[in-house]
Amino acid sequence: MMALGGLLLRSAYARRAQITDFRREMQREAWRQQARAAQGLAPDDRGTTTVIRQATWHQYPAPPESWSHTTLGSLTIALVGGVIVGLIVLYAEYSYFQVRWPSSRN
C-alpha cells in the first residue's frame, strides 16, 4: 500500500513539475510578445495559437452515442423498468393479501 502511495506521490510531483514548466514557458512567451509590442513589431505567430493549431491537427471523431442515450434506448429502459416495478408491486400485493384474506375454499 505504501508503494502505491509512493508511486502516486512521485507521479503527482512529476505532473506538478510539468505544469510549472508550462506556466514558465507561457510567461516567457507573454514577455516576448510584450517586448515585440513595445518595439512596434507585429505579434509573433508562434505563441499559444501554434499550440491550438497543432491540437486541431489531431482531432478524432467522437465515439458513437451509447444506446441508452438514444430515444429508443430511453423508452426501452423505461418500459423494462415499469414492467419490473409492476411485477414487484403485484408480488407484494399478492403476498400481503394472501395472508389476510380468508380462503373461500372449505
PDB file of N, CA and C in Angstrom:
ATOM      1  N   MET A   1       0.821  -1.187   0.000  1.00  0.00           N
ATOM      2  CA  MET A   1       0.000   0.000   0.000  1.00  0.00           C
ATOM      3  C   MET A   1       0.871   1.259   0.000  1.00  0.00           C
ATOM      4  N   MET A   2       1.960   1.189   0.764  1.00  0.00           N
ATOM      5  CA  MET A   2       2.849   2.346   0.798  1.00  0.00           C
ATOM      6  C   MET A   2       3.543   2.547  -0.538  1.00  0.00           C
ATOM      7  N   ALA A   3       3.809   1.445  -1.234  1.00  0.00           N
ATOM      8  CA  ALA A   3       4.450   1.563  -2.547  1.00  0.00           C
ATOM      9  C   ALA A   3       3.522   2.278  -3.522  1.00  0.00           C
ATOM     10  N   LEU A   4       2.237   1.946  -3.451  1.00  0.00           N
ATOM     11  CA  LEU A   4       1.269   2.614  -4.324  1.00  0.00           C
ATOM     12  C   LEU A   4       1.189   4.097  -4.001  1.00  0.00           C
ATOM     13  N   GLY A   5       1.197   4.409  -2.703  1.00  0.00           N
ATOM     14  CA  GLY A   5       1.191   5.813  -2.298  1.00  0.00           C
ATOM     15  C   GLY A   5       2.433   6.534  -2.788  1.00  0.00           C
ATOM     16  N   GLY A   6       3.594   5.858  -2.720  1.00  0.00           N
ATOM     17  CA  GLY A   6       4.824   6.461  -3.203  1.00  0.00           C
ATOM     18  C   GLY A   6       4.790   6.715  -4.700  1.00  0.00           C
ATOM     19  N   LEU A   7       4.236   5.750  -5.442  1.00  0.00           N
ATOM     20  CA  LEU A   7       4.123   5.934  -6.896  1.00  0.00           C
ATOM     21  C   LEU A   7       3.201   7.095  -7.236  1.00  0.00           C
ATOM     22  N   LEU A   8       2.074   7.175  -6.532  1.00  0.00           N
ATOM     23  CA  LEU A   8       1.140   8.278  -6.778  1.00  0.00           C
ATOM     24  C   LEU A   8       1.763   9.619  -6.426  1.00  0.00           C
ATOM     25  N   LEU A   9       2.500   9.661  -5.317  1.00  0.00           N
ATOM     26  CA  LEU A   9       3.151  10.897  -4.905  1.00  0.00           C
ATOM     27  C   LEU A   9       4.210  11.326  -5.922  1.00  0.00           C
ATOM     28  N   ARG A  10       5.013  10.358  -6.402  1.00  0.00           N
ATOM     29  CA  ARG A  10       6.028  10.670  -7.406  1.00  0.00           C
ATOM     30  C   ARG A  10       5.371  11.155  -8.703  1.00  0.00           C
ATOM     31  N   SER A  11       4.270  10.521  -9.093  1.00  0.00           N
ATOM     32  CA  SER A  11       3.563  10.946 -10.297  1.00  0.00           C
ATOM     33  C   SER A  11       3.005  12.354 -10.130  1.00  0.00           C
ATOM     34  N   ALA A  12       2.483  12.646  -8.936  1.00  0.00           N
ATOM     35  CA  ALA A  12       1.947  13.989  -8.688  1.00  0.00           C
ATOM     36  C   ALA A  12       3.048  15.035  -8.755  1.00  0.00           C
ATOM     37  N   TYR A  13       4.222  14.730  -8.182  1.00  0.00           N
ATOM     38  CA  TYR A  13       5.335  15.679  -8.249  1.00  0.00           C
ATOM     39  C   TYR A  13       5.790  15.895  -9.692  1.00  0.00           C
ATOM     40  N   ALA A  14       5.845  14.813 -10.475  1.00  0.00           N
ATOM     41  CA  ALA A  14       6.253  14.943 -11.874  1.00  0.00           C
ATOM     42  C   ALA A  14       5.248  15.793 -12.651  1.00  0.00           C
ATOM     43  N   ARG A  15       3.971  15.569 -12.413  1.00  0.00           N
ATOM     44  CA  ARG A  15       2.937  16.355 -13.108  1.00  0.00           C
ATOM     45  C   ARG A  15       3.003  17.821 -12.694  1.00  0.00           C
ATOM     46  N   ARG A  16       3.244  18.050 -11.406  1.00  0.00           N
ATOM     47  CA  ARG A  16       3.349  19.424 -10.926  1.00  0.00           C
ATOM     48  C   ARG A  16       4.541  20.124 -11.581  1.00  0.00           C
ATOM     49  N   ALA A  17       5.643  19.405 -11.759  1.00  0.00           N
ATOM     50  CA  ALA A  17       6.815  19.977 -12.426  1.00  0.00           C
ATOM     51  C   ALA A  17       6.491  20.313 -13.884  1.00  0.00           C
ATOM     52  N   GLN A  18       5.747  19.445 -14.555  1.00  0.00           N
ATOM     53  CA  GLN A  18       5.346  19.722 -15.941  1.00  0.00           C
ATOM     54  C   GLN A  18       4.488  20.976 -16.016  1.00  0.00           C
ATOM     55  N   ILE A  19       3.540  21.091 -15.101  1.00  0.00           N
ATOM     56  CA  ILE A  19       2.658  22.262 -15.107  1.00  0.00           C
ATOM     57  C   ILE A  19       3.450  23.528 -14.822  1.00  0.00           C
ATOM     58  N   THR A  20       4.381  23.455 -13.889  1.00  0.00           N
ATOM     59  CA  THR A  20       5.219  24.617 -13.569  1.00  0.00           C
ATOM     60  C   THR A  20       6.053  25.028 -14.775  1.00  0.00           C
ATOM     61  N   ASP A  21       6.647  24.066 -15.462  1.00  0.00           N
ATOM     62  CA  ASP A  21       7.423  24.375 -16.670  1.00  0.00           C
ATOM     63  C   ASP A  21       6.544  25.003 -17.742  1.00  0.00           C
ATOM     64  N   PHE A  22       5.350  24.475 -17.908  1.00  0.00           N
ATOM     65  CA  PHE A  22       4.439  25.033 -18.905  1.00  0.00           C
ATOM     66  C   PHE A  22       4.086  26.483 -18.568  1.00  0.00           C
ATOM     67  N   ARG A  23       3.798  26.741 -17.304  1.00  0.00           N
ATOM     68  CA  ARG A  23       3.451  28.116 -16.902  1.00  0.00           C
ATOM     69  C   ARG A  23       4.629  29.066 -17.104  1.00  0.00           C
ATOM     70  N   ARG A  24       5.843  28.605 -16.784  1.00  0.00           N
ATOM     71  CA  ARG A  24       7.024  29.443 -17.015  1.00  0.00           C
ATOM     72  C   ARG A  24       7.186  29.764 -18.499  1.00  0.00           C
ATOM     73  N   GLU A  25       7.025  28.766 -19.328  1.00  0.00           N
ATOM     74  CA  GLU A  25       7.149  28.981 -20.771  1.00  0.00           C
ATOM     75  C   GLU A  25       6.073  29.935 -21.283  1.00  0.00           C
ATOM     76  N   MET A  26       4.859  29.801 -20.768  1.00  0.00           N
ATOM     77  CA  MET A  26       3.787  30.711 -21.180  1.00  0.00           C
ATOM     78  C   MET A  26       4.100  32.136 -20.727  1.00  0.00           C
ATOM     79  N   GLN A  27       4.678  32.294 -19.534  1.00  0.00           N
ATOM     80  CA  GLN A  27       5.055  33.626 -19.057  1.00  0.00           C
ATOM     81  C   GLN A  27       6.164  34.212 -19.926  1.00  0.00           C
ATOM     82  N   ARG A  28       7.155  33.391 -20.270  1.00  0.00           N
ATOM     83  CA  ARG A  28       8.221  33.868 -21.165  1.00  0.00           C
ATOM     84  C   ARG A  28       7.645  34.303 -22.513  1.00  0.00           C
ATOM     85  N   GLU A  29       6.718  33.534 -23.029  1.00  0.00           N
ATOM     86  CA  GLU A  29       6.099  33.882 -24.313  1.00  0.00           C
ATOM     87  C   GLU A  29       5.328  35.188 -24.216  1.00  0.00           C
ATOM     88  N   ALA A  30       4.642  35.387 -23.092  1.00  0.00           N
ATOM     89  CA  ALA A  30       3.926  36.657 -22.904  1.00  0.00           C
ATOM     90  C   ALA A  30       4.904  37.823 -22.849  1.00  0.00           C
ATOM     91  N   TRP A  31       6.039  37.632 -22.174  1.00  0.00           N
ATOM     92  CA  TRP A  31       7.044  38.690 -22.128  1.00  0.00           C
ATOM     93  C   TRP A  31       7.609  38.970 -23.514  1.00  0.00           C
ATOM     94  N   ARG A  32       7.838  37.935 -24.305  1.00  0.00           N
ATOM     95  CA  ARG A  32       8.325  38.134 -25.682  1.00  0.00           C
ATOM     96  C   ARG A  32       7.326  38.957 -26.496  1.00  0.00           C
ATOM     97  N   GLN A  33       6.052  38.632 -26.341  1.00  0.00           N
ATOM     98  CA  GLN A  33       5.023  39.374 -27.085  1.00  0.00           C
ATOM     99  C   GLN A  33       4.968  40.831 -26.626  1.00  0.00           C
ATOM    100  N   GLN A  34       5.119  41.056 -25.312  1.00  0.00           N
ATOM    101  CA  GLN A  34       5.124  42.434 -24.809  1.00  0.00           C
ATOM    102  C   GLN A  34       6.328  43.204 -25.339  1.00  0.00           C
ATOM    103  N   ALA A  35       7.470  42.533 -25.400  1.00  0.00           N
ATOM    104  CA  ALA A  35       8.678  43.190 -25.923  1.00  0.00           C
ATOM    105  C   ALA A  35       8.503  43.522 -27.404  1.00  0.00           C
ATOM    106  N   ARG A  36       7.905  42.607 -28.159  1.00  0.00           N
ATOM    107  CA  ARG A  36       7.653  42.879 -29.584  1.00  0.00           C
ATOM    108  C   ARG A  36       6.678  44.037 -29.750  1.00  0.00           C
ATOM    109  N   ALA A  37       5.645  44.076 -28.900  1.00  0.00           N
ATOM    110  CA  ALA A  37       4.674  45.178 -28.977  1.00  0.00           C
ATOM    111  C   ALA A  37       5.337  46.502 -28.606  1.00  0.00           C
ATOM    112  N   ALA A  38       6.241  46.503 -27.632  1.00  0.00           N
ATOM    113  CA  ALA A  38       6.939  47.729 -27.232  1.00  0.00           C
ATOM    114  C   ALA A  38       7.851  48.225 -28.340  1.00  0.00           C
ATOM    115  N   GLN A  39       8.374  47.317 -29.147  1.00  0.00           N
ATOM    116  CA  GLN A  39       9.244  47.711 -30.261  1.00  0.00           C
ATOM    117  C   GLN A  39       8.435  48.096 -31.493  1.00  0.00           C
ATOM    118  N   GLY A  40       7.128  47.927 -31.419  1.00  0.00           N
ATOM    119  CA  GLY A  40       6.279  48.275 -32.553  1.00  0.00           C
ATOM    120  C   GLY A  40       6.211  47.186 -33.604  1.00  0.00           C
ATOM    121  N   LEU A  41       6.608  45.975 -33.271  1.00  0.00           N
ATOM    122  CA  LEU A  41       6.580  44.860 -34.212  1.00  0.00           C
ATOM    123  C   LEU A  41       5.239  44.123 -34.118  1.00  0.00           C
ATOM    124  N   ALA A  42       4.933  43.392 -35.157  1.00  0.00           N
ATOM    125  CA  ALA A  42       3.696  42.593 -35.164  1.00  0.00           C
ATOM    126  C   ALA A  42       3.849  41.422 -34.197  1.00  0.00           C
ATOM    127  N   PRO A  43       2.725  40.963 -33.645  1.00  0.00           N
ATOM    128  CA  PRO A  43       2.823  39.807 -32.739  1.00  0.00           C
ATOM    129  C   PRO A  43       3.397  38.593 -33.455  1.00  0.00           C
ATOM    130  N   ASP A  44       4.213  37.861 -32.725  1.00  0.00           N
ATOM    131  CA  ASP A  44       4.823  36.653 -33.267  1.00  0.00           C
ATOM    132  C   ASP A  44       3.763  35.552 -33.304  1.00  0.00           C
ATOM    133  N   ASP A  45       3.782  34.759 -34.366  1.00  0.00           N
ATOM    134  CA  ASP A  45       2.736  33.737 -34.540  1.00  0.00           C
ATOM    135  C   ASP A  45       3.200  32.371 -34.043  1.00  0.00           C
ATOM    136  N   ARG A  46       4.029  32.335 -33.012  1.00  0.00           N
ATOM    137  CA  ARG A  46       4.437  31.035 -32.510  1.00  0.00           C
ATOM    138  C   ARG A  46       4.051  30.834 -31.052  1.00  0.00           C
ATOM    139  N   GLY A  47       3.112  31.631 -30.578  1.00  0.00           N
ATOM    140  CA  GLY A  47       2.682  31.529 -29.185  1.00  0.00           C
ATOM    141  C   GLY A  47       1.628  30.448 -29.003  1.00  0.00           C
ATOM    142  N   THR A  48       0.613  30.777 -28.234  1.00  0.00           N
ATOM    143  CA  THR A  48      -0.411  29.787 -27.904  1.00  0.00           C
ATOM    144  C   THR A  48      -1.230  29.391 -29.123  1.00  0.00           C
ATOM    145  N   THR A  49      -1.299  30.281 -30.126  1.00  0.00           N
ATOM    146  CA  THR A  49      -2.069  29.919 -31.313  1.00  0.00           C
ATOM    147  C   THR A  49      -1.453  28.715 -32.024  1.00  0.00           C
ATOM    148  N   THR A  50      -0.116  28.620 -31.974  1.00  0.00           N
ATOM    149  CA  THR A  50       0.546  27.470 -32.587  1.00  0.00           C
ATOM    150  C   THR A  50       0.117  26.180 -31.900  1.00  0.00           C
ATOM    151  N   VAL A  51       0.036  26.228 -30.577  1.00  0.00           N
ATOM    152  CA  VAL A  51      -0.384  25.054 -29.816  1.00  0.00           C
ATOM    153  C   VAL A  51      -1.807  24.670 -30.190  1.00  0.00           C
ATOM    154  N   ILE A  52      -2.654  25.668 -30.342  1.00  0.00           N
ATOM    155  CA  ILE A  52      -4.047  25.373 -30.705  1.00  0.00           C
ATOM    156  C   ILE A  52      -4.103  24.783 -32.114  1.00  0.00           C
ATOM    157  N   ARG A  53      -3.336  25.348 -33.023  1.00  0.00           N
ATOM    158  CA  ARG A  53      -3.347  24.811 -34.385  1.00  0.00           C
ATOM    159  C   ARG A  53      -2.844  23.380 -34.417  1.00  0.00           C
ATOM    160  N   GLN A  54      -1.798  23.079 -33.666  1.00  0.00           N
ATOM    161  CA  GLN A  54      -1.290  21.716 -33.644  1.00  0.00           C
ATOM    162  C   GLN A  54      -2.313  20.764 -33.041  1.00  0.00           C
ATOM    163  N   ALA A  55      -3.043  21.234 -32.034  1.00  0.00           N
ATOM    164  CA  ALA A  55      -4.035  20.377 -31.396  1.00  0.00           C
ATOM    165  C   ALA A  55      -5.178  20.060 -32.355  1.00  0.00           C
ATOM    166  N   THR A  56      -5.510  21.000 -33.254  1.00  0.00           N
ATOM    167  CA  THR A  56      -6.605  20.726 -34.178  1.00  0.00           C
ATOM    168  C   THR A  56      -6.190  19.747 -35.269  1.00  0.00           C
ATOM    169  N   TRP A  57      -4.911  19.547 -35.473  1.00  0.00           N
ATOM    170  CA  TRP A  57      -4.480  18.552 -36.461  1.00  0.00           C
ATOM    171  C   TRP A  57      -4.821  17.137 -36.009  1.00  0.00           C
ATOM    172  N   HIS A  58      -4.876  16.924 -34.720  1.00  0.00           N
ATOM    173  CA  HIS A  58      -5.050  15.586 -34.183  1.00  0.00           C
ATOM    174  C   HIS A  58      -6.449  15.367 -33.630  1.00  0.00           C
ATOM    175  N   GLN A  59      -7.452  15.886 -34.312  1.00  0.00           N
ATOM    176  CA  GLN A  59      -8.821  15.682 -33.852  1.00  0.00           C
ATOM    177  C   GLN A  59      -9.287  14.291 -34.251  1.00  0.00           C
ATOM    178  N   TYR A  60     -10.022  13.667 -33.356  1.00  0.00           N
ATOM    179  CA  TYR A  60     -10.567  12.341 -33.614  1.00  0.00           C
ATOM    180  C   TYR A  60     -12.085  12.433 -33.594  1.00  0.00           C
ATOM    181  N   PRO A  61     -12.764  11.571 -34.344  1.00  0.00           N
ATOM    182  CA  PRO A  61     -14.221  11.616 -34.304  1.00  0.00           C
ATOM    183  C   PRO A  61     -14.727  11.191 -32.930  1.00  0.00           C
ATOM    184  N   ALA A  62     -15.849  11.752 -32.561  1.00  0.00           N
ATOM    185  CA  ALA A  62     -16.452  11.407 -31.265  1.00  0.00           C
ATOM    186  C   ALA A  62     -16.912   9.957 -31.300  1.00  0.00           C
ATOM    187  N   PRO A  63     -16.870   9.280 -30.162  1.00  0.00           N
ATOM    188  CA  PRO A  63     -17.352   7.898 -30.140  1.00  0.00           C
ATOM    189  C   PRO A  63     -18.852   7.867 -30.395  1.00  0.00           C
ATOM    190  N   PRO A  64     -19.356   6.761 -30.914  1.00  0.00           N
ATOM    191  CA  PRO A  64     -20.792   6.700 -31.172  1.00  0.00           C
ATOM    192  C   PRO A  64     -21.576   6.824 -29.874  1.00  0.00           C
ATOM    193  N   GLU A  65     -22.771   7.357 -30.006  1.00  0.00           N
ATOM    194  CA  GLU A  65     -23.614   7.569 -28.830  1.00  0.00           C
ATOM    195  C   GLU A  65     -24.058   6.229 -28.264  1.00  0.00           C
ATOM    196  N   SER A  66     -24.046   6.126 -26.954  1.00  0.00           N
ATOM    197  CA  SER A  66     -24.460   4.897 -26.292  1.00  0.00           C
ATOM    198  C   SER A  66     -25.940   4.650 -26.567  1.00  0.00           C
ATOM    199  N   TRP A  67     -26.334   3.380 -26.661  1.00  0.00           N
ATOM    200  CA  TRP A  67     -27.729   3.057 -26.975  1.00  0.00           C
ATOM    201  C   TRP A  67     -28.669   3.569 -25.898  1.00  0.00           C
ATOM    202  N   SER A  68     -28.190   3.670 -24.653  1.00  0.00           N
ATOM    203  CA  SER A  68     -29.075   4.104 -23.577  1.00  0.00           C
ATOM    204  C   SER A  68     -29.334   5.606 -23.608  1.00  0.00           C
ATOM    205  N   HIS A  69     -28.578   6.350 -24.420  1.00  0.00           N
ATOM    206  CA  HIS A  69     -28.790   7.786 -24.531  1.00  0.00           C
ATOM    207  C   HIS A  69     -29.624   8.165 -25.753  1.00  0.00           C
ATOM    208  N   THR A  70     -30.068   7.188 -26.506  1.00  0.00           N
ATOM    209  CA  THR A  70     -30.934   7.477 -27.645  1.00  0.00           C
ATOM    210  C   THR A  70     -32.388   7.467 -27.182  1.00  0.00           C
ATOM    211  N   THR A  71     -33.282   7.955 -28.013  1.00  0.00           N
ATOM    212  CA  THR A  71     -34.704   7.993 -27.654  1.00  0.00           C
ATOM    213  C   THR A  71     -35.244   6.583 -27.486  1.00  0.00           C
ATOM    214  N   LEU A  72     -34.926   5.704 -28.417  1.00  0.00           N
ATOM    215  CA  LEU A  72     -35.413   4.328 -28.321  1.00  0.00           C
ATOM    216  C   LEU A  72     -34.835   3.618 -27.097  1.00  0.00           C
ATOM    217  N   GLY A  73     -33.583   3.884 -26.789  1.00  0.00           N
ATOM    218  CA  GLY A  73     -32.959   3.287 -25.610  1.00  0.00           C
ATOM    219  C   GLY A  73     -33.615   3.764 -24.324  1.00  0.00           C
ATOM    220  N   SER A  74     -33.933   5.066 -24.254  1.00  0.00           N
ATOM    221  CA  SER A  74     -34.602   5.596 -23.065  1.00  0.00           C
ATOM    222  C   SER A  74     -35.989   4.982 -22.902  1.00  0.00           C
ATOM    223  N   LEU A  75     -36.706   4.849 -24.011  1.00  0.00           N
ATOM    224  CA  LEU A  75     -38.030   4.229 -23.941  1.00  0.00           C
ATOM    225  C   LEU A  75     -37.936   2.769 -23.520  1.00  0.00           C
ATOM    226  N   THR A  76     -36.940   2.065 -24.020  1.00  0.00           N
ATOM    227  CA  THR A  76     -36.749   0.663 -23.647  1.00  0.00           C
ATOM    228  C   THR A  76     -36.452   0.533 -22.158  1.00  0.00           C
ATOM    229  N   ILE A  77     -35.580   1.381 -21.649  1.00  0.00           N
ATOM    230  CA  ILE A  77     -35.261   1.338 -20.225  1.00  0.00           C
ATOM    231  C   ILE A  77     -36.493   1.650 -19.387  1.00  0.00           C
ATOM    232  N   ALA A  78     -37.279   2.646 -19.808  1.00  0.00           N
ATOM    233  CA  ALA A  78     -38.487   2.993 -19.066  1.00  0.00           C
ATOM    234  C   ALA A  78     -39.489   1.842 -19.087  1.00  0.00           C
ATOM    235  N   LEU A  79     -39.646   1.178 -20.230  1.00  0.00           N
ATOM    236  CA  LEU A  79     -40.590   0.071 -20.332  1.00  0.00           C
ATOM    237  C   LEU A  79     -40.156  -1.107 -19.473  1.00  0.00           C
ATOM    238  N   VAL A  80     -38.889  -1.478 -19.561  1.00  0.00           N
ATOM    239  CA  VAL A  80     -38.387  -2.597 -18.753  1.00  0.00           C
ATOM    240  C   VAL A  80     -38.479  -2.258 -17.270  1.00  0.00           C
ATOM    241  N   GLY A  81     -38.118  -1.036 -16.910  1.00  0.00           N
ATOM    242  CA  GLY A  81     -38.233  -0.614 -15.512  1.00  0.00           C
ATOM    243  C   GLY A  81     -39.667  -0.643 -15.024  1.00  0.00           C
ATOM    244  N   GLY A  82     -40.602  -0.205 -15.862  1.00  0.00           N
ATOM    245  CA  GLY A  82     -42.025  -0.240 -15.483  1.00  0.00           C
ATOM    246  C   GLY A  82     -42.520  -1.655 -15.279  1.00  0.00           C
ATOM    247  N   VAL A  83     -42.114  -2.560 -16.156  1.00  0.00           N
ATOM    248  CA  VAL A  83     -42.538  -3.961 -16.021  1.00  0.00           C
ATOM    249  C   VAL A  83     -41.975  -4.554 -14.732  1.00  0.00           C
ATOM    250  N   ILE A  84     -40.713  -4.280 -14.439  1.00  0.00           N
ATOM    251  CA  ILE A  84     -40.103  -4.821 -13.216  1.00  0.00           C
ATOM    252  C   ILE A  84     -40.790  -4.259 -11.975  1.00  0.00           C
ATOM    253  N   VAL A  85     -41.043  -2.962 -11.954  1.00  0.00           N
ATOM    254  CA  VAL A  85     -41.733  -2.355 -10.812  1.00  0.00           C
ATOM    255  C   VAL A  85     -43.144  -2.910 -10.694  1.00  0.00           C
ATOM    256  N   GLY A  86     -43.827  -3.087 -11.812  1.00  0.00           N
ATOM    257  CA  GLY A  86     -45.176  -3.662 -11.783  1.00  0.00           C
ATOM    258  C   GLY A  86     -45.178  -5.067 -11.220  1.00  0.00           C
ATOM    259  N   LEU A  87     -44.216  -5.884 -11.609  1.00  0.00           N
ATOM    260  CA  LEU A  87     -44.139  -7.241 -11.081  1.00  0.00           C
ATOM    261  C   LEU A  87     -43.836  -7.250  -9.586  1.00  0.00           C
ATOM    262  N   ILE A  88     -42.994  -6.344  -9.142  1.00  0.00           N
ATOM    263  CA  ILE A  88     -42.694  -6.252  -7.709  1.00  0.00           C
ATOM    264  C   ILE A  88     -43.941  -5.854  -6.932  1.00  0.00           C
ATOM    265  N   VAL A  89     -44.673  -4.863  -7.432  1.00  0.00           N
ATOM    266  CA  VAL A  89     -45.906  -4.434  -6.760  1.00  0.00           C
ATOM    267  C   VAL A  89     -46.935  -5.559  -6.775  1.00  0.00           C
ATOM    268  N   LEU A  90     -47.071  -6.256  -7.877  1.00  0.00           N
ATOM    269  CA  LEU A  90     -48.023  -7.366  -7.962  1.00  0.00           C
ATOM    270  C   LEU A  90     -47.662  -8.464  -6.969  1.00  0.00           C
ATOM    271  N   TYR A  91     -46.391  -8.808  -6.868  1.00  0.00           N
ATOM    272  CA  TYR A  91     -45.955  -9.819  -5.909  1.00  0.00           C
ATOM    273  C   TYR A  91     -46.208  -9.361  -4.474  1.00  0.00           C
ATOM    274  N   ALA A  92     -45.923  -8.069  -4.189  1.00  0.00           N
ATOM    275  CA  ALA A  92     -46.141  -7.538  -2.842  1.00  0.00           C
ATOM    276  C   ALA A  92     -47.628  -7.579  -2.481  1.00  0.00           C
ATOM    277  N   GLU A  93     -48.496  -7.189  -3.414  1.00  0.00           N
ATOM    278  CA  GLU A  93     -49.936  -7.254  -3.152  1.00  0.00           C
ATOM    279  C   GLU A  93     -50.388  -8.690  -2.929  1.00  0.00           C
ATOM    280  N   TYR A  94     -49.923  -9.592  -3.748  1.00  0.00           N
ATOM    281  CA  TYR A  94     -50.326 -10.990  -3.633  1.00  0.00           C
ATOM    282  C   TYR A  94     -49.883 -11.575  -2.295  1.00  0.00           C
ATOM    283  N   SER A  95     -48.632 -11.321  -1.923  1.00  0.00           N
ATOM    284  CA  SER A  95     -48.143 -11.877  -0.656  1.00  0.00           C
ATOM    285  C   SER A  95     -48.827 -11.233   0.538  1.00  0.00           C
ATOM    286  N   TYR A  96     -49.194  -9.953   0.441  1.00  0.00           N
ATOM    287  CA  TYR A  96     -49.876  -9.269   1.539  1.00  0.00           C
ATOM    288  C   TYR A  96     -51.300  -9.788   1.703  1.00  0.00           C
ATOM    289  N   PHE A  97     -52.039  -9.831   0.606  1.00  0.00           N
ATOM    290  CA  PHE A  97     -53.445 -10.219   0.708  1.00  0.00           C
ATOM    291  C   PHE A  97     -53.633 -11.724   0.815  1.00  0.00           C
ATOM    292  N   GLN A  98     -52.671 -12.515   0.421  1.00  0.00           N
ATOM    293  CA  GLN A  98     -52.784 -13.967   0.544  1.00  0.00           C
ATOM    294  C   GLN A  98     -52.905 -14.363   2.025  1.00  0.00           C
ATOM    295  N   VAL A  99     -52.202 -13.647   2.869  1.00  0.00           N
ATOM    296  CA  VAL A  99     -52.228 -13.955   4.297  1.00  0.00           C
ATOM    297  C   VAL A  99     -53.479 -13.382   4.958  1.00  0.00           C
ATOM    298  N   ARG A 100     -53.954 -12.211   4.553  1.00  0.00           N
ATOM    299  CA  ARG A 100     -55.013 -11.508   5.264  1.00  0.00           C
ATOM    300  C   ARG A 100     -56.428 -11.834   4.780  1.00  0.00           C
ATOM    301  N   TRP A 101     -56.609 -12.257   3.550  1.00  0.00           N
ATOM    302  CA  TRP A 101     -57.963 -12.590   3.094  1.00  0.00           C
ATOM    303  C   TRP A 101     -58.260 -14.040   3.431  1.00  0.00           C
ATOM    304  N   PRO A 102     -59.458 -14.276   3.943  1.00  0.00           N
ATOM    305  CA  PRO A 102     -59.806 -15.680   4.231  1.00  0.00           C
ATOM    306  C   PRO A 102     -60.000 -16.452   2.938  1.00  0.00           C
ATOM    307  N   SER A 103     -59.654 -17.680   3.002  1.00  0.00           N
ATOM    308  CA  SER A 103     -59.787 -18.520   1.817  1.00  0.00           C
ATOM    309  C   SER A 103     -61.257 -18.881   1.648  1.00  0.00           C
ATOM    310  N   SER A 104     -61.754 -18.900   0.426  1.00  0.00           N
ATOM    311  CA  SER A 104     -63.153 -19.256   0.173  1.00  0.00           C
ATOM    312  C   SER A 104     -63.341 -20.739  -0.005  1.00  0.00           C
ATOM    313  N   ARG A 105     -62.250 -21.503   0.052  1.00  0.00           N
ATOM    314  CA  ARG A 105     -62.351 -22.953  -0.094  1.00  0.00           C
ATOM    315  C   ARG A 105     -62.606 -23.584   1.269  1.00  0.00           C
ATOM    316  N   ASN A 106     -63.688 -24.321   1.406  1.00  0.00           N
ATOM    317  CA  ASN A 106     -63.980 -25.055   2.627  1.00  0.00           C
ATOM    318  C   ASN A 106     -64.591 -26.372   2.313  1.00  0.00           C
TER     319      ASN A 106
END
